[in-house]
Amino acid sequence: MMLESRLKQAALNTAVDVSLKRMKKSPERCARNLLELAVTAYPGKISKKDRPDFYQKLLDICKREAAEEAKSLFSNTFQ
């Protein structure tokens, strides 16, 4: 993996961690922030048609406060 790619991944992991810290307080906001992060970092990876389904998955995970599951879904979808 190239340095630029590793730096991007480290920055994304940090952004995901920051978003997940607030999942208990506002799961909707957590899910929305993660979706926006994904769309911004990986344009074209999730079609506009698939975004509501992906948001719902993230929201369900955030409501259960399953941070590791959210990280796994995010990394498996975007790596």
N, C-alpha and C. Protein backbone atom coordinates (compact mmCIF):
# COMPACT_ATOMS: atom_id res chain seq x y z
N MET A 1 0.85 -1.17 0.00
CA MET A 1 0.00 0.00 0.00
C MET A 1 0.90 1.23 0.00
N MET A 2 0.58 2.17 -0.86
CA MET A 2 1.38 3.38 -0.96
C MET A 2 1.13 4.28 0.24
N LEU A 3 2.09 5.15 0.49
CA LEU A 3 2.02 6.05 1.64
C LEU A 3 0.76 6.91 1.58
N GLU A 4 0.46 7.45 0.42
CA GLU A 4 -0.73 8.30 0.28
C GLU A 4 -2.00 7.53 0.63
N SER A 5 -2.07 6.31 0.18
CA SER A 5 -3.23 5.47 0.47
C SER A 5 -3.33 5.15 1.96
N ARG A 6 -2.21 4.87 2.58
CA ARG A 6 -2.21 4.58 4.02
C ARG A 6 -2.61 5.81 4.83
N LEU A 7 -2.13 6.98 4.41
CA LEU A 7 -2.50 8.22 5.11
C LEU A 7 -4.00 8.49 4.98
N LYS A 8 -4.53 8.28 3.79
CA LYS A 8 -5.97 8.47 3.57
C LYS A 8 -6.76 7.52 4.46
N GLN A 9 -6.33 6.28 4.53
CA GLN A 9 -7.03 5.29 5.35
C GLN A 9 -6.95 5.65 6.83
N ALA A 10 -5.80 6.12 7.28
CA ALA A 10 -5.65 6.52 8.68
C ALA A 10 -6.55 7.71 9.00
N ALA A 11 -6.62 8.68 8.10
CA ALA A 11 -7.49 9.84 8.30
C ALA A 11 -8.96 9.42 8.34
N LEU A 12 -9.35 8.51 7.46
CA LEU A 12 -10.73 8.02 7.45
C LEU A 12 -11.05 7.25 8.72
N ASN A 13 -10.14 6.42 9.17
CA ASN A 13 -10.36 5.68 10.41
C ASN A 13 -10.56 6.62 11.59
N THR A 14 -9.78 7.69 11.62
CA THR A 14 -9.91 8.69 12.69
C THR A 14 -11.26 9.38 12.59
N ALA A 15 -11.67 9.75 11.39
CA ALA A 15 -12.96 10.41 11.21
C ALA A 15 -14.12 9.49 11.60
N VAL A 16 -14.00 8.22 11.27
CA VAL A 16 -15.02 7.25 11.66
C VAL A 16 -15.09 7.15 13.18
N ASP A 17 -13.93 7.05 13.83
CA ASP A 17 -13.90 6.97 15.29
C ASP A 17 -14.55 8.19 15.94
N VAL A 18 -14.28 9.37 15.41
CA VAL A 18 -14.86 10.60 15.96
C VAL A 18 -16.38 10.57 15.80
N SER A 19 -16.86 10.15 14.65
CA SER A 19 -18.31 10.06 14.42
C SER A 19 -18.96 9.05 15.37
N LEU A 20 -18.30 7.95 15.60
CA LEU A 20 -18.88 6.89 16.42
C LEU A 20 -18.93 7.25 17.91
N LYS A 21 -18.11 8.19 18.33
CA LYS A 21 -18.11 8.58 19.75
C LYS A 21 -19.45 9.17 20.18
N ARG A 22 -20.17 9.72 19.23
CA ARG A 22 -21.44 10.38 19.56
C ARG A 22 -22.66 9.54 19.18
N MET A 23 -22.46 8.27 18.92
CA MET A 23 -23.57 7.43 18.46
C MET A 23 -24.66 7.27 19.51
N LYS A 24 -24.30 7.27 20.77
CA LYS A 24 -25.30 7.11 21.82
C LYS A 24 -26.19 8.35 21.93
N LYS A 25 -25.57 9.50 21.81
CA LYS A 25 -26.30 10.75 21.94
C LYS A 25 -27.24 10.99 20.76
N SER A 26 -26.77 10.71 19.55
CA SER A 26 -27.58 10.95 18.36
C SER A 26 -27.23 9.94 17.27
N PRO A 27 -27.88 8.78 17.28
CA PRO A 27 -27.57 7.77 16.28
C PRO A 27 -27.87 8.23 14.85
N GLU A 28 -28.88 9.06 14.68
CA GLU A 28 -29.21 9.56 13.34
C GLU A 28 -28.08 10.42 12.78
N ARG A 29 -27.56 11.27 13.64
CA ARG A 29 -26.45 12.13 13.23
C ARG A 29 -25.21 11.30 12.93
N CYS A 30 -24.95 10.31 13.76
CA CYS A 30 -23.80 9.41 13.55
C CYS A 30 -23.90 8.74 12.19
N ALA A 31 -25.06 8.16 11.89
CA ALA A 31 -25.25 7.46 10.62
C ALA A 31 -25.11 8.43 9.44
N ARG A 32 -25.69 9.61 9.57
CA ARG A 32 -25.62 10.61 8.50
C ARG A 32 -24.17 11.05 8.28
N ASN A 33 -23.43 11.28 9.36
CA ASN A 33 -22.04 11.70 9.23
C ASN A 33 -21.19 10.61 8.56
N LEU A 34 -21.43 9.37 8.93
CA LEU A 34 -20.68 8.28 8.32
C LEU A 34 -21.00 8.15 6.83
N LEU A 35 -22.27 8.30 6.49
CA LEU A 35 -22.66 8.23 5.08
C LEU A 35 -22.03 9.37 4.29
N GLU A 36 -22.08 10.57 4.83
CA GLU A 36 -21.47 11.72 4.14
C GLU A 36 -19.96 11.55 4.00
N LEU A 37 -19.33 11.01 5.01
CA LEU A 37 -17.89 10.75 4.95
C LEU A 37 -17.59 9.76 3.83
N ALA A 38 -18.37 8.71 3.75
CA ALA A 38 -18.17 7.68 2.73
C ALA A 38 -18.36 8.25 1.33
N VAL A 39 -19.42 9.02 1.15
CA VAL A 39 -19.72 9.59 -0.17
C VAL A 39 -18.63 10.57 -0.59
N THR A 40 -18.12 11.33 0.37
CA THR A 40 -17.07 12.30 0.06
C THR A 40 -15.73 11.61 -0.23
N ALA A 41 -15.39 10.64 0.57
CA ALA A 41 -14.09 9.97 0.42
C ALA A 41 -14.06 9.01 -0.76
N TYR A 42 -15.20 8.42 -1.06
CA TYR A 42 -15.27 7.43 -2.14
C TYR A 42 -16.42 7.74 -3.08
N PRO A 43 -16.30 8.84 -3.83
CA PRO A 43 -17.39 9.21 -4.74
C PRO A 43 -17.63 8.11 -5.77
N GLY A 44 -18.88 7.83 -6.00
CA GLY A 44 -19.24 6.82 -6.98
C GLY A 44 -19.29 5.41 -6.44
N LYS A 45 -18.83 5.20 -5.22
CA LYS A 45 -18.81 3.84 -4.65
C LYS A 45 -20.22 3.39 -4.26
N ILE A 46 -21.02 4.33 -3.77
CA ILE A 46 -22.41 4.02 -3.43
C ILE A 46 -23.29 4.90 -4.32
N SER A 47 -24.15 4.28 -5.07
CA SER A 47 -25.04 5.04 -5.94
C SER A 47 -26.08 5.78 -5.10
N LYS A 48 -26.65 6.81 -5.67
CA LYS A 48 -27.68 7.57 -4.96
C LYS A 48 -28.85 6.67 -4.60
N LYS A 49 -29.11 5.70 -5.44
CA LYS A 49 -30.21 4.76 -5.20
C LYS A 49 -29.95 3.89 -3.97
N ASP A 50 -28.68 3.53 -3.73
CA ASP A 50 -28.32 2.65 -2.62
C ASP A 50 -28.06 3.38 -1.30
N ARG A 51 -27.98 4.68 -1.34
CA ARG A 51 -27.65 5.44 -0.13
C ARG A 51 -28.68 5.29 0.98
N PRO A 52 -29.99 5.32 0.69
CA PRO A 52 -30.94 5.13 1.79
C PRO A 52 -30.79 3.79 2.51
N ASP A 53 -30.51 2.73 1.76
CA ASP A 53 -30.32 1.41 2.38
C ASP A 53 -29.06 1.39 3.24
N PHE A 54 -27.98 1.99 2.73
CA PHE A 54 -26.73 2.03 3.48
C PHE A 54 -26.91 2.88 4.74
N TYR A 55 -27.63 4.01 4.61
CA TYR A 55 -27.91 4.85 5.77
C TYR A 55 -28.69 4.05 6.81
N GLN A 56 -29.68 3.30 6.37
CA GLN A 56 -30.50 2.53 7.32
C GLN A 56 -29.65 1.48 8.05
N LYS A 57 -28.74 0.84 7.34
CA LYS A 57 -27.83 -0.12 7.99
C LYS A 57 -26.99 0.58 9.05
N LEU A 58 -26.43 1.73 8.67
CA LEU A 58 -25.62 2.49 9.63
C LEU A 58 -26.45 2.95 10.81
N LEU A 59 -27.66 3.40 10.56
CA LEU A 59 -28.53 3.86 11.64
C LEU A 59 -28.85 2.72 12.61
N ASP A 60 -29.17 1.56 12.09
CA ASP A 60 -29.45 0.41 12.95
C ASP A 60 -28.24 0.07 13.83
N ILE A 61 -27.07 0.12 13.23
CA ILE A 61 -25.84 -0.18 13.97
C ILE A 61 -25.60 0.89 15.04
N CYS A 62 -25.77 2.15 14.67
CA CYS A 62 -25.54 3.24 15.63
C CYS A 62 -26.54 3.18 16.78
N LYS A 63 -27.78 2.82 16.49
CA LYS A 63 -28.78 2.71 17.56
C LYS A 63 -28.43 1.61 18.56
N ARG A 64 -27.77 0.55 18.06
CA ARG A 64 -27.35 -0.54 18.96
C ARG A 64 -26.01 -0.25 19.61
N GLU A 65 -25.41 0.88 19.22
CA GLU A 65 -24.10 1.28 19.75
C GLU A 65 -23.02 0.24 19.46
N ALA A 66 -23.08 -0.33 18.28
CA ALA A 66 -22.14 -1.37 17.87
C ALA A 66 -21.01 -0.75 17.03
N ALA A 67 -20.10 -0.10 17.71
CA ALA A 67 -19.03 0.63 17.02
C ALA A 67 -18.17 -0.27 16.15
N GLU A 68 -17.81 -1.42 16.65
CA GLU A 68 -16.96 -2.32 15.86
C GLU A 68 -17.67 -2.81 14.60
N GLU A 69 -18.95 -3.05 14.71
CA GLU A 69 -19.73 -3.46 13.54
C GLU A 69 -19.80 -2.33 12.51
N ALA A 70 -19.96 -1.11 12.98
CA ALA A 70 -19.98 0.05 12.07
C ALA A 70 -18.64 0.20 11.36
N LYS A 71 -17.55 0.06 12.11
CA LYS A 71 -16.22 0.14 11.50
C LYS A 71 -16.03 -0.96 10.46
N SER A 72 -16.49 -2.14 10.79
CA SER A 72 -16.35 -3.27 9.87
C SER A 72 -17.16 -3.04 8.59
N LEU A 73 -18.39 -2.61 8.73
CA LEU A 73 -19.22 -2.33 7.56
C LEU A 73 -18.59 -1.25 6.71
N PHE A 74 -18.11 -0.20 7.35
CA PHE A 74 -17.50 0.90 6.63
C PHE A 74 -16.25 0.43 5.88
N SER A 75 -15.38 -0.25 6.56
CA SER A 75 -14.12 -0.67 5.92
C SER A 75 -14.34 -1.73 4.85
N ASN A 76 -15.28 -2.66 5.08
CA ASN A 76 -15.56 -3.69 4.07
C ASN A 76 -16.21 -3.11 2.82
N THR A 77 -16.98 -2.08 3.00
CA THR A 77 -17.66 -1.45 1.86
C THR A 77 -16.72 -0.58 1.06
N PHE A 78 -15.77 0.07 1.72
CA PHE A 78 -14.96 1.09 1.04
C PHE A 78 -13.49 0.77 0.91
N GLN A 79 -13.11 -0.46 1.08
CA GLN A 79 -11.69 -0.78 0.87
C GLN A 79 -11.53 -1.74 -0.27
